[in-house]
């Protein structure tokens, strides 16, 4: 056990933070703009996330050696989950970090290294680098693992891939996994092509649509129940569910889930604009409007359709942004209405307007789409409506699978 000396003032401040959340039952009625920075958003305290419900899982942790899979979103009010559990004298011995790291500051795709948390002294093991799955050796002294990471409900957001490998490792080593559930800000719709097995990768591991309409706790139950883990193994899974939540409940995240999703608008547009990561078009990395704008030097600067200008520059979360230092011509979507579907119009419009059609797509696009069909459809001039029709059967079949694992009401 790592011995940490906490001052009494710190200990009581942590307990106060936890207790505060237990007492918050009054629903916030604050109306906010989608592009309001998370730091300015008043949190809706009517929803109680899994992490706050310590009485529901503390008994599973007493006298156990605990590992925690967490990042900057793993908070209980204003205190990190790890700090809160340590203050309760629970024996956390290791922390595991997903993409972007334990404190959530690394670039997308940047390898995360093992290290030590400067605040707690706990060893940190990377789950985003050469080892995406916890090894038998690393897990050998752990009795129970906690997973508490905020998802945004898109198949190519890698936290659900990390969840998969954590579940698989726990199943193989006979370790209980506790998933502390959090709301999915894109749970209000289901859309997109189903991933084909031959295009499986870390940005798409399961036969689900791009937007799947489930919380991460529900998704974990589906991974387990459908036996998607290696060799069909199933892990000893315990989901600590949300309170006062349905899939239609609006939820503004209190903390950025990753460096390039700075507000609710970016999260809402992310499933639609992330396709640009597999093209020569920028989705706003290297600006302060990540996933709220798109543009490229190869779009027609003389048309009113692309009258927005931006120049990507290195910033937090994007050290080497696409088209760095070059003027990009495109659109600003930061004030558009909230999407309730996967919008292909931006992608199709950009492809039709580019003067570099032969270099528009790169191999990453098919990994993001989960199918090679979408690129062919766009290149062949198939309309958005016709493309969407090809998704219908897959989505309906998925909904039947999904229904078996839902914890929360649909409306």
Foldseek 3Di string as FASTA:
>chain_A
DDDDDDDPVLLVVLVVLLVVLVPPQDFDPDDDAQPDFLQPDDFGSNKDWLLSPCVVCVVVQPPFEEEEEAALLQDRRPHHSVSSVVSVVGHYAEYEYEPCGRHFFAAGLDADCWDADPVGRHTYHYLGHPHVADDCVNCVRGAAYEYEAFDQQFLQPQPLLSVLRPFLSCLVNVHEYEYTWDAHQLLLAAAAAFFDCVLADSRHHHRGGRGHNAISLLVLVLCQVVQSHPPSGHHNYHYRHMPPDFSPDHGWRSDPSHDQQRGSLLSQQVSQLVLQVQFLKAQQAQHPQRSQWIWHPQFDCPDPQFVDWDAHDADGNPNDGRNHRHITTTDGRSNPDGDNYRDNPRVLVRCVGGPPNVRTGHPVSCSSNSHPVVVVCSVVPPDPVVVRVVRVVSNVVSVVSSVVRHDHHSD
